[in-house]
Amino acid sequence: MYTFRLYLIGGNMSRQPYAYRRQELIEPDWRRVPAWREVTQEQWRDPQWQRTHCVKNPRQLRALYGDLLSEDFYRDLERDQAERATMSLLLPPYVLNMMVPLSAVTTEAFYADPVRRQMLPVFSDRATEWPSHPFASRDSLHEAEMWVAEGLTHRYPTKVLAELVSTCPQYCGHCTRMDLVGNSTPQVPKLKFSVKQADRHEAMLEYLRNSSGVRDVVVSGGDIANVPWPRLESFVLDLLELDNIRDIRLASKALMDLPQHWLTDEARGTMSRLAETARKRGVSLAVHTHVNSAQQVTPLNAEAAQSLFDVGVRDVRNQGVLMRGVNDSQEALLDLCFALLDGAGIMPYYFYLCDMIPNAEHWRVALWEAQELQQAIMGYLPGFATPRLVCDVPFVGKRWVHQVDHYNRDRGISYWTKNYFTSIEHDDPYALAKTYEYYDPIQTLSAEGQEWWRHHDTTPEQPVAAKIPSTTLTRGETE
């Protein structure tokens, strides 16, 4: 027999596991950082000033913060860049200003800050025994193997991913495309596209002209904020000429990390023309961004999102990543969702388990933790705005965390099924009959589970660079 207890105070239920509270967005004062005390509002809102003053190495960070941060922190960062980092540093002032937003910068606060943890990793963040999972790989989702034209991944039956560029205005340490995106690091010599950008884009369009079964295109990279506006407009207009394309999603983390880019007259003009053309042709045009912490949602972010709505963009949605120490609690995840929804009108859409790339184990959460988080956030948000927590399973695709077929919790191995062929599996008669594995971080397992991994004969997957013909990708700096 169940006993129900209802606590009513002033007509509202109280003592809930999570208490909703409407929070006003706050724009952190950049002048609290000594090096920015003379920076004017006009400069701060200038995207070119933001790009010019990016922090690209520990020396520049030291010049910015000086003795506000300890020498131990700078050494921690330098060691990470030398021994663990899969992405080079590239942080606009706007991103750095989100770290420790409401108080004086101290080393202790900097270490604990959720934005710092995702955007500025240091060596002491990384897992000690297993910084990488034994089955981690540089292209963990095998996207390049599924290229039907250079940079065009056809993984799902009706959807493709078009990587227009391999650079971003900012680099995230947990980037799933770390094999290709950004500059090389001591640990990761990056691949680069071998075909000129204009020719690559035309090859993508030609494939889509001959693929009537594709209706949905994600235009990404890298970040489309690094594609010149005229070139982006030309590519999307060409997509809009194709009768079979009904959904176009433009992916840009810079909407939140460099909102100034989206608030220029050129941005408004371009997006207005694209939105009007999409409306006339009955195509849904949306922008997808990437936010993982509530303190990343600011008034300027909300202004950038509103400018898209004002010119006719249908939706702005967030695709975040579940990250330990960033948003791996009910409170942190719901605070983020309400900040997006109430503060900026951005729809919480997906939160992915962090992909199995090298040196990412300190960020990743176990499947069972994600399942508990999905349960914990249900019922607080409107149903249409409740994000789905998903695992992007190699060779399978996005699967809701509760869709797992079976799960060995002791060894942290989950097994998944699928219902379609990828572009490389049409000759595999067993592709829809077998299960596909995904792995929890080993440090989340029991002592017995960890011991099993210490002695199990695992063969890490061959890096994707060794699988791709040299005529497709080459070593070196990205475009």
Protein backbone atom coordinates (compact mmCIF):
# COMPACT_ATOMS: atom_id res chain seq x y z
CA MET A 1 0.00 0.00 0.00
CA TYR A 2 1.40 3.40 -0.96
CA THR A 3 1.25 6.50 1.23
CA PHE A 4 1.17 9.85 -0.52
CA ARG A 5 2.15 13.05 1.23
CA LEU A 6 1.35 16.43 -0.25
CA TYR A 7 2.94 19.55 1.18
CA LEU A 8 0.93 22.66 0.38
CA ILE A 9 2.06 26.17 1.29
CA GLY A 10 0.31 29.17 -0.22
CA GLY A 11 -1.20 26.99 -2.93
CA ASN A 12 2.21 25.68 -4.06
CA MET A 13 3.76 22.30 -3.41
CA SER A 14 6.94 22.67 -1.40
CA ARG A 15 9.81 20.44 -0.36
CA GLN A 16 10.22 19.09 -3.87
CA PRO A 17 13.56 17.53 -4.81
CA TYR A 18 14.08 20.55 -7.08
CA ALA A 19 12.70 24.04 -6.43
CA TYR A 20 11.98 26.08 -9.55
CA ARG A 21 12.94 29.71 -9.31
CA ARG A 22 12.90 32.23 -12.12
CA GLN A 23 16.43 33.57 -12.46
CA GLU A 24 17.29 36.80 -14.19
CA LEU A 25 20.17 36.44 -16.62
CA ILE A 26 23.35 38.23 -15.65
CA GLU A 27 26.01 39.70 -17.91
CA PRO A 28 29.30 39.33 -16.02
CA ASP A 29 31.31 42.57 -15.78
CA TRP A 30 34.45 41.97 -17.84
CA ARG A 31 36.18 44.88 -16.11
CA ARG A 32 36.70 42.77 -12.98
CA VAL A 33 39.62 41.18 -14.90
CA PRO A 34 42.54 43.64 -14.68
CA ALA A 35 43.56 43.31 -18.34
CA TRP A 36 40.06 44.29 -19.48
CA ARG A 37 39.45 47.28 -17.20
CA GLU A 38 39.78 49.76 -20.06
CA VAL A 39 37.78 47.72 -22.60
CA THR A 40 34.72 49.66 -23.73
CA GLN A 41 31.27 48.21 -24.33
CA GLU A 42 31.69 48.96 -28.04
CA GLN A 43 34.87 46.87 -28.11
CA TRP A 44 33.29 44.08 -26.07
CA ARG A 45 30.39 43.81 -28.51
CA ASP A 46 32.70 43.76 -31.54
CA PRO A 47 33.16 40.19 -32.86
CA GLN A 48 36.49 41.09 -34.45
CA TRP A 49 37.82 42.43 -31.13
CA GLN A 50 36.74 39.17 -29.48
CA ARG A 51 38.48 37.06 -32.11
CA THR A 52 41.65 39.16 -32.04
CA HIS A 53 41.97 38.89 -28.26
CA CYS A 54 41.45 35.13 -27.94
CA VAL A 55 43.68 33.27 -25.50
CA LYS A 56 45.68 30.67 -27.45
CA ASN A 57 48.30 29.49 -24.95
CA PRO A 58 49.17 29.51 -21.22
CA ARG A 59 51.43 32.53 -21.68
CA GLN A 60 48.50 34.64 -22.91
CA LEU A 61 46.31 33.42 -20.05
CA ARG A 62 49.05 34.45 -17.60
CA ALA A 63 49.19 37.91 -19.21
CA LEU A 64 45.43 38.21 -18.74
CA TYR A 65 45.06 37.01 -15.14
CA GLY A 66 48.55 37.47 -13.74
CA ASP A 67 48.83 36.58 -10.07
CA LEU A 68 45.06 36.21 -9.67
CA LEU A 69 45.82 32.58 -10.53
CA SER A 70 48.61 30.64 -8.89
CA GLU A 71 51.75 29.44 -10.61
CA ASP A 72 50.54 25.90 -9.85
CA PHE A 73 47.50 26.50 -12.06
CA TYR A 74 49.59 27.75 -14.99
CA ARG A 75 51.91 24.74 -14.65
CA ASP A 76 48.85 22.46 -14.48
CA LEU A 77 47.60 23.96 -17.75
CA GLU A 78 51.00 23.78 -19.44
CA ARG A 79 51.37 20.11 -18.54
CA ASP A 80 47.92 19.34 -19.90
CA GLN A 81 48.67 21.07 -23.18
CA ALA A 82 51.90 19.08 -23.47
CA GLU A 83 50.66 15.65 -22.37
CA ARG A 84 46.87 15.29 -22.56
CA ALA A 85 45.11 17.96 -24.61
CA THR A 86 43.36 16.79 -27.77
CA MET A 87 42.36 20.36 -28.65
CA SER A 88 44.53 23.46 -28.78
CA LEU A 89 43.56 26.49 -26.73
CA LEU A 90 41.32 29.05 -28.42
CA LEU A 91 39.13 30.99 -25.98
CA PRO A 92 37.45 34.31 -26.80
CA PRO A 93 37.28 36.84 -23.96
CA TYR A 94 33.52 36.25 -23.84
CA VAL A 95 34.05 32.60 -22.89
CA LEU A 96 36.69 33.43 -20.30
CA ASN A 97 34.38 36.06 -18.82
CA MET A 98 31.80 33.35 -18.09
CA MET A 99 34.25 31.72 -15.68
CA VAL A 100 33.77 32.78 -12.04
CA PRO A 101 31.23 35.33 -13.27
CA LEU A 102 30.08 37.02 -10.06
CA SER A 103 33.13 37.32 -7.82
CA ALA A 104 36.81 38.08 -7.82
CA VAL A 105 38.85 35.50 -9.68
CA THR A 106 40.77 33.15 -7.41
CA THR A 107 42.61 29.93 -8.15
CA GLU A 108 40.19 27.89 -6.02
CA ALA A 109 37.12 29.35 -7.72
CA PHE A 110 38.71 28.93 -11.14
CA TYR A 111 39.43 25.25 -10.56
CA ALA A 112 35.83 24.62 -9.43
CA ASP A 113 34.11 26.62 -12.16
CA PRO A 114 31.94 24.48 -14.51
CA VAL A 115 32.76 26.56 -17.59
CA ARG A 116 36.48 26.30 -16.87
CA ARG A 117 36.15 22.53 -16.44
CA GLN A 118 34.77 22.08 -19.96
CA MET A 119 36.61 24.82 -21.86
CA LEU A 120 39.99 25.05 -20.14
CA PRO A 121 40.98 21.58 -18.92
CA VAL A 122 44.14 21.10 -16.84
CA PHE A 123 46.21 18.02 -16.18
CA SER A 124 44.87 17.48 -12.67
CA ASP A 125 41.32 17.25 -14.07
CA ARG A 126 42.13 14.12 -16.06
CA ALA A 127 41.51 10.62 -14.77
CA THR A 128 44.72 9.11 -13.40
CA GLU A 129 44.66 5.38 -14.16
CA TRP A 130 42.40 5.56 -17.21
CA PRO A 131 42.64 9.03 -18.81
CA SER A 132 41.37 7.27 -21.96
CA HIS A 133 39.09 4.27 -22.19
CA PRO A 134 40.82 1.25 -23.82
CA PHE A 135 38.27 1.48 -26.65
CA ALA A 136 38.44 5.24 -27.13
CA SER A 137 39.21 6.40 -30.65
CA ARG A 138 39.94 9.66 -32.39
CA ASP A 139 36.84 9.47 -34.59
CA SER A 140 34.70 7.70 -32.02
CA LEU A 141 31.52 7.88 -34.12
CA HIS A 142 33.25 6.75 -37.35
CA GLU A 143 31.88 9.78 -39.15
CA ALA A 144 34.74 9.99 -41.65
CA GLU A 145 34.24 6.35 -42.58
CA MET A 146 30.69 7.25 -43.56
CA TRP A 147 31.64 10.17 -45.79
CA VAL A 148 29.84 10.02 -49.12
CA ALA A 149 31.71 13.15 -50.15
CA GLU A 150 34.57 14.70 -48.24
CA GLY A 151 33.01 16.17 -45.09
CA LEU A 152 29.49 14.81 -45.78
CA THR A 153 28.52 12.03 -43.35
CA HIS A 154 25.52 9.89 -44.29
CA ARG A 155 24.82 7.84 -41.17
CA TYR A 156 21.04 7.97 -40.82
CA PRO A 157 18.63 6.99 -43.62
CA THR A 158 17.10 10.44 -44.13
CA LYS A 159 19.72 12.76 -42.56
CA VAL A 160 23.23 13.91 -43.39
CA LEU A 161 25.88 15.98 -41.63
CA ALA A 162 27.72 18.56 -43.74
CA GLU A 163 31.01 19.70 -42.22
CA LEU A 164 31.61 22.96 -44.07
CA VAL A 165 34.74 23.93 -42.17
CA SER A 166 37.16 22.33 -39.72
CA THR A 167 37.75 25.32 -37.44
CA CYS A 168 35.78 27.08 -34.70
CA PRO A 169 35.89 30.47 -32.94
CA GLN A 170 36.55 28.50 -29.73
CA TYR A 171 37.76 24.99 -29.01
CA CYS A 172 36.17 22.60 -26.53
CA GLY A 173 38.36 19.95 -24.94
CA HIS A 174 35.57 17.37 -25.29
CA CYS A 175 35.08 17.91 -29.03
CA THR A 176 33.78 14.74 -30.69
CA ARG A 177 35.52 15.76 -33.94
CA MET A 178 38.90 16.28 -32.31
CA ASP A 179 40.47 14.13 -35.04
CA LEU A 180 39.81 16.80 -37.65
CA VAL A 181 38.85 20.06 -35.94
CA GLY A 182 41.39 22.62 -34.79
CA ASN A 183 45.16 22.78 -34.75
CA SER A 184 47.44 19.88 -33.93
CA THR A 185 48.51 19.31 -30.34
CA PRO A 186 51.56 17.36 -29.10
CA GLN A 187 49.23 14.40 -28.55
CA VAL A 188 47.10 14.67 -31.70
CA PRO A 189 48.45 15.52 -35.16
CA LYS A 190 45.23 16.59 -36.83
CA LEU A 191 43.90 15.51 -40.17
CA LYS A 192 42.81 18.04 -42.72
CA PHE A 193 40.55 18.17 -45.73
CA SER A 194 42.34 17.50 -48.99
CA VAL A 195 39.85 19.15 -51.36
CA LYS A 196 39.42 22.90 -51.70
CA GLN A 197 36.49 24.24 -49.71
CA ALA A 198 34.41 25.38 -52.69
CA ASP A 199 34.90 22.03 -54.43
CA ARG A 200 34.01 20.10 -51.27
CA HIS A 201 30.81 22.08 -50.85
CA GLU A 202 29.84 21.47 -54.48
CA ALA A 203 30.51 17.73 -54.11
CA MET A 204 28.20 17.66 -51.09
CA LEU A 205 25.46 19.40 -53.01
CA GLU A 206 25.88 17.10 -55.98
CA TYR A 207 25.45 14.05 -53.73
CA LEU A 208 22.28 15.55 -52.26
CA ARG A 209 20.90 16.36 -55.71
CA ASN A 210 21.12 12.64 -56.46
CA SER A 211 19.81 11.43 -53.07
CA SER A 212 16.06 11.92 -52.98
CA GLY A 213 15.79 9.94 -49.74
CA VAL A 214 17.60 12.64 -47.75
CA ARG A 215 15.32 15.28 -46.26
CA ASP A 216 17.34 16.68 -43.33
CA VAL A 217 20.74 18.41 -43.44
CA VAL A 218 22.77 19.47 -40.41
CA VAL A 219 25.17 22.19 -41.54
CA SER A 220 28.08 22.15 -39.14
CA GLY A 221 31.84 21.76 -38.90
CA GLY A 222 33.78 22.89 -36.91
CA ASP A 223 31.46 25.85 -36.43
CA ILE A 224 29.56 27.63 -39.16
CA ALA A 225 30.51 30.91 -37.46
CA ASN A 226 33.88 30.42 -39.20
CA VAL A 227 32.26 30.23 -42.61
CA PRO A 228 32.06 33.67 -44.27
CA TRP A 229 28.45 34.83 -44.40
CA PRO A 230 28.27 35.00 -48.23
CA ARG A 231 29.59 31.44 -48.56
CA LEU A 232 27.23 30.12 -45.89
CA GLU A 233 24.29 31.87 -47.52
CA SER A 234 25.17 30.45 -50.94
CA PHE A 235 25.43 26.90 -49.60
CA VAL A 236 22.11 27.06 -47.71
CA LEU A 237 20.33 28.66 -50.66
CA ASP A 238 21.55 25.79 -52.83
CA LEU A 239 20.11 23.36 -50.26
CA LEU A 240 16.82 25.22 -50.38
CA GLU A 241 16.65 24.60 -54.13
CA LEU A 242 16.36 20.85 -53.51
CA ASP A 243 12.75 19.68 -53.25
CA ASN A 244 13.57 16.76 -50.99
CA ILE A 245 15.27 18.88 -48.28
CA ARG A 246 12.65 19.79 -45.67
CA ASP A 247 14.77 20.51 -42.58
CA ILE A 248 18.00 22.50 -42.33
CA ARG A 249 19.78 22.86 -39.03
CA LEU A 250 22.68 25.30 -38.69
CA ALA A 251 25.03 24.30 -35.86
CA SER A 252 26.97 26.97 -34.01
CA LYS A 253 28.32 26.89 -30.48
CA ALA A 254 29.41 30.46 -31.18
CA LEU A 255 25.79 31.57 -30.81
CA MET A 256 26.51 31.33 -27.08
CA ASP A 257 30.31 31.66 -26.95
CA LEU A 258 30.63 34.50 -29.48
CA PRO A 259 27.12 36.01 -29.68
CA GLN A 260 28.63 39.19 -31.11
CA HIS A 261 29.13 37.30 -34.40
CA TRP A 262 25.38 36.75 -34.64
CA LEU A 263 24.43 40.35 -33.83
CA THR A 264 26.07 42.14 -36.76
CA ASP A 265 24.08 43.71 -39.56
CA GLU A 266 25.56 41.15 -41.96
CA ALA A 267 24.39 38.29 -39.74
CA ARG A 268 20.87 39.68 -39.45
CA GLY A 269 20.66 40.35 -43.17
CA THR A 270 21.90 36.88 -44.13
CA MET A 271 19.65 35.05 -41.68
CA SER A 272 16.65 37.17 -42.66
CA ARG A 273 17.06 36.27 -46.34
CA LEU A 274 17.57 32.59 -45.56
CA ALA A 275 14.59 32.46 -43.21
CA GLU A 276 12.33 34.16 -45.74
CA THR A 277 13.39 31.80 -48.53
CA ALA A 278 12.90 28.79 -46.25
CA ARG A 279 9.44 30.02 -45.25
CA LYS A 280 8.35 30.47 -48.86
CA ARG A 281 9.53 26.96 -49.72
CA GLY A 282 8.03 25.30 -46.66
CA VAL A 283 11.39 24.30 -45.18
CA SER A 284 12.10 24.38 -41.46
CA LEU A 285 15.25 26.41 -40.74
CA ALA A 286 16.63 26.12 -37.21
CA VAL A 287 19.84 26.99 -35.38
CA HIS A 288 21.39 24.51 -32.95
CA THR A 289 23.81 25.60 -30.28
CA HIS A 290 25.78 23.91 -27.50
CA VAL A 291 25.50 25.01 -23.86
CA ASN A 292 26.40 22.89 -20.85
CA SER A 293 26.12 25.21 -17.84
CA ALA A 294 23.48 27.70 -16.71
CA GLN A 295 26.05 30.46 -16.20
CA GLN A 296 26.76 30.35 -19.95
CA VAL A 297 23.30 31.78 -20.64
CA THR A 298 23.63 35.57 -20.54
CA PRO A 299 21.60 38.58 -21.69
CA LEU A 300 23.82 38.92 -24.76
CA ASN A 301 23.20 35.26 -25.61
CA ALA A 302 19.47 35.87 -25.24
CA GLU A 303 19.77 38.93 -27.50
CA ALA A 304 21.52 36.86 -30.17
CA ALA A 305 18.85 34.15 -29.99
CA GLN A 306 16.05 36.74 -30.12
CA SER A 307 17.61 38.32 -33.20
CA LEU A 308 17.22 34.97 -34.98
CA PHE A 309 13.56 34.76 -34.02
CA ASP A 310 13.05 38.39 -35.11
CA VAL A 311 14.26 37.64 -38.64
CA GLY A 312 12.11 34.52 -38.96
CA VAL A 313 14.28 31.57 -37.90
CA ARG A 314 11.84 28.94 -36.74
CA ASP A 315 13.66 27.41 -33.77
CA VAL A 316 16.82 27.71 -31.71
CA ARG A 317 17.67 24.49 -29.89
CA ASN A 318 20.41 23.35 -27.54
CA GLN A 319 22.38 20.14 -27.88
CA GLY A 320 24.52 19.85 -24.76
CA VAL A 321 26.84 17.20 -23.40
CA LEU A 322 26.51 15.49 -20.03
CA MET A 323 29.76 16.23 -18.23
CA ARG A 324 30.95 15.27 -14.79
CA GLY A 325 31.47 18.31 -12.61
CA VAL A 326 29.53 20.51 -15.02
CA ASN A 327 25.88 19.38 -15.29
CA ASP A 328 25.76 15.89 -13.77
CA SER A 329 23.18 16.71 -11.08
CA GLN A 330 19.44 17.27 -11.14
CA GLU A 331 19.85 20.87 -9.98
CA ALA A 332 22.57 21.79 -12.47
CA LEU A 333 20.74 20.22 -15.41
CA LEU A 334 17.35 21.76 -14.59
CA ASP A 335 18.91 25.16 -13.83
CA LEU A 336 20.45 25.05 -17.31
CA CYS A 337 17.22 23.99 -19.01
CA PHE A 338 15.19 26.74 -17.34
CA ALA A 339 17.86 29.36 -18.08
CA LEU A 340 17.73 28.39 -21.76
CA LEU A 341 13.95 28.22 -21.94
CA ASP A 342 12.95 31.16 -19.73
CA GLY A 343 15.91 33.42 -20.32
CA ALA A 344 16.73 32.97 -23.99
CA GLY A 345 13.80 31.13 -25.59
CA ILE A 346 16.15 28.29 -26.54
CA MET A 347 14.68 24.79 -26.54
CA PRO A 348 16.54 22.18 -24.47
CA TYR A 349 16.77 19.38 -27.00
CA TYR A 350 19.43 16.74 -26.37
CA PHE A 351 22.13 16.03 -23.85
CA TYR A 352 24.63 13.51 -25.14
CA LEU A 353 26.84 11.27 -23.11
CA CYS A 354 30.32 12.58 -23.77
CA ASP A 355 31.78 10.58 -26.64
CA MET A 356 34.57 8.05 -26.19
CA ILE A 357 37.44 10.17 -27.45
CA PRO A 358 40.94 10.01 -25.95
CA ASN A 359 41.60 11.64 -22.57
CA ALA A 360 37.91 12.32 -21.90
CA GLU A 361 37.21 9.84 -19.08
CA HIS A 362 37.13 12.53 -16.38
CA TRP A 363 34.18 14.14 -18.21
CA ARG A 364 32.17 11.03 -19.04
CA VAL A 365 29.29 9.73 -16.93
CA ALA A 366 28.15 6.12 -16.81
CA LEU A 367 24.98 5.02 -18.56
CA TRP A 368 23.23 4.30 -15.27
CA GLU A 369 24.05 7.83 -14.07
CA ALA A 370 22.48 9.27 -17.22
CA GLN A 371 19.40 7.10 -16.70
CA GLU A 372 19.05 8.44 -13.16
CA LEU A 373 19.43 12.00 -14.42
CA GLN A 374 16.74 11.46 -17.05
CA GLN A 375 14.40 10.22 -14.33
CA ALA A 376 15.33 13.15 -12.07
CA ILE A 377 14.40 15.89 -14.57
CA MET A 378 11.09 14.40 -15.69
CA GLY A 379 7.97 16.35 -14.71
CA TYR A 380 9.60 19.72 -14.04
CA LEU A 381 9.81 21.09 -17.57
CA PRO A 382 7.00 21.17 -20.11
CA GLY A 383 6.92 17.87 -21.98
CA PHE A 384 7.87 19.54 -25.28
CA ALA A 385 10.89 21.15 -23.59
CA THR A 386 12.14 18.17 -21.60
CA PRO A 387 15.49 17.19 -23.13
CA ARG A 388 16.19 13.61 -24.01
CA LEU A 389 19.45 12.21 -22.68
CA VAL A 390 21.05 10.15 -25.40
CA CYS A 391 24.00 7.87 -26.01
CA ASP A 392 25.55 8.24 -29.45
CA VAL A 393 26.49 4.62 -30.01
CA PRO A 394 29.19 3.93 -32.65
CA PHE A 395 27.65 2.58 -35.89
CA VAL A 396 24.17 2.97 -34.34
CA GLY A 397 23.53 6.64 -33.68
CA LYS A 398 21.59 8.50 -31.03
CA ARG A 399 19.70 6.27 -28.62
CA TRP A 400 17.71 7.35 -25.59
CA VAL A 401 19.54 6.12 -22.50
CA HIS A 402 16.60 3.88 -21.59
CA GLN A 403 16.66 2.16 -25.00
CA VAL A 404 19.62 -0.02 -24.04
CA ASP A 405 19.04 -3.65 -25.03
CA HIS A 406 20.99 -5.12 -22.12
CA TYR A 407 23.60 -3.81 -19.76
CA ASN A 408 26.43 -5.39 -17.80
CA ARG A 409 26.79 -2.93 -14.94
CA ASP A 410 29.71 -4.82 -13.36
CA ARG A 411 31.91 -4.33 -16.43
CA GLY A 412 30.26 -1.14 -17.65
CA ILE A 413 29.34 -2.55 -21.05
CA SER A 414 25.98 -1.70 -22.60
CA TYR A 415 24.58 -3.34 -25.73
CA TRP A 416 22.42 -1.57 -28.31
CA THR A 417 20.45 -2.49 -31.40
CA LYS A 418 19.40 -0.50 -34.44
CA ASN A 419 16.83 -0.48 -37.22
CA TYR A 420 18.64 0.97 -40.25
CA PHE A 421 21.82 0.64 -42.27
CA THR A 422 24.49 3.29 -42.34
CA SER A 423 26.04 4.22 -45.65
CA ILE A 424 28.82 1.62 -45.16
CA GLU A 425 26.70 -1.36 -44.12
CA HIS A 426 24.46 -2.24 -47.04
CA ASP A 427 26.59 -5.29 -47.77
CA ASP A 428 26.47 -6.51 -44.17
CA PRO A 429 23.50 -8.92 -43.82
CA TYR A 430 23.89 -8.97 -40.03
CA ALA A 431 24.02 -5.21 -39.40
CA LEU A 432 20.44 -5.11 -38.08
CA ALA A 433 20.66 -8.40 -36.21
CA LYS A 434 23.66 -7.81 -33.97
CA THR A 435 24.28 -5.66 -30.91
CA TYR A 436 26.75 -2.82 -30.60
CA GLU A 437 28.75 -1.98 -27.50
CA TYR A 438 29.21 1.20 -25.51
CA TYR A 439 31.40 1.49 -22.42
CA ASP A 440 31.09 3.26 -19.08
CA PRO A 441 34.13 5.05 -17.66
CA ILE A 442 36.12 2.37 -15.85
CA GLN A 443 36.62 4.51 -12.76
CA THR A 444 32.83 4.44 -12.19
CA LEU A 445 32.82 0.64 -11.87
CA SER A 446 33.05 -1.45 -8.74
CA ALA A 447 36.46 -2.66 -7.53
CA GLU A 448 35.75 -6.01 -9.17
CA GLY A 449 34.83 -4.35 -12.47
CA GLN A 450 37.97 -2.24 -12.47
CA GLU A 451 40.07 -5.29 -11.73
CA TRP A 452 38.51 -7.12 -14.69
CA TRP A 453 39.55 -4.29 -17.02
CA ARG A 454 43.08 -4.31 -15.64
CA HIS A 455 43.51 -7.92 -16.70
CA HIS A 456 41.19 -8.16 -19.70
CA ASP A 457 42.93 -8.39 -23.05
CA THR A 458 41.58 -5.30 -24.77
CA THR A 459 42.68 -4.15 -28.18
CA PRO A 460 42.03 -0.42 -28.62
CA GLU A 461 40.45 0.49 -31.91
CA GLN A 462 42.85 1.53 -34.64
CA PRO A 463 42.87 5.35 -34.99
CA VAL A 464 40.67 6.54 -37.81
CA ALA A 465 43.64 8.17 -39.52
CA ALA A 466 45.01 4.74 -40.27
CA LYS A 467 41.74 3.65 -41.88
CA ILE A 468 41.12 6.52 -44.26
CA PRO A 469 42.86 6.42 -47.65
CA SER A 470 45.55 9.06 -47.97
CA THR A 471 43.75 10.46 -50.99
CA THR A 472 40.89 11.51 -48.73
CA LEU A 473 42.59 13.09 -45.72
CA THR A 474 46.11 14.21 -45.08
CA ARG A 475 48.10 15.04 -41.98
CA GLY A 476 48.73 18.64 -41.05
CA GLU A 477 47.05 21.79 -39.85
CA THR A 478 43.36 22.28 -40.53
CA GLU A 479 42.07 24.67 -43.14
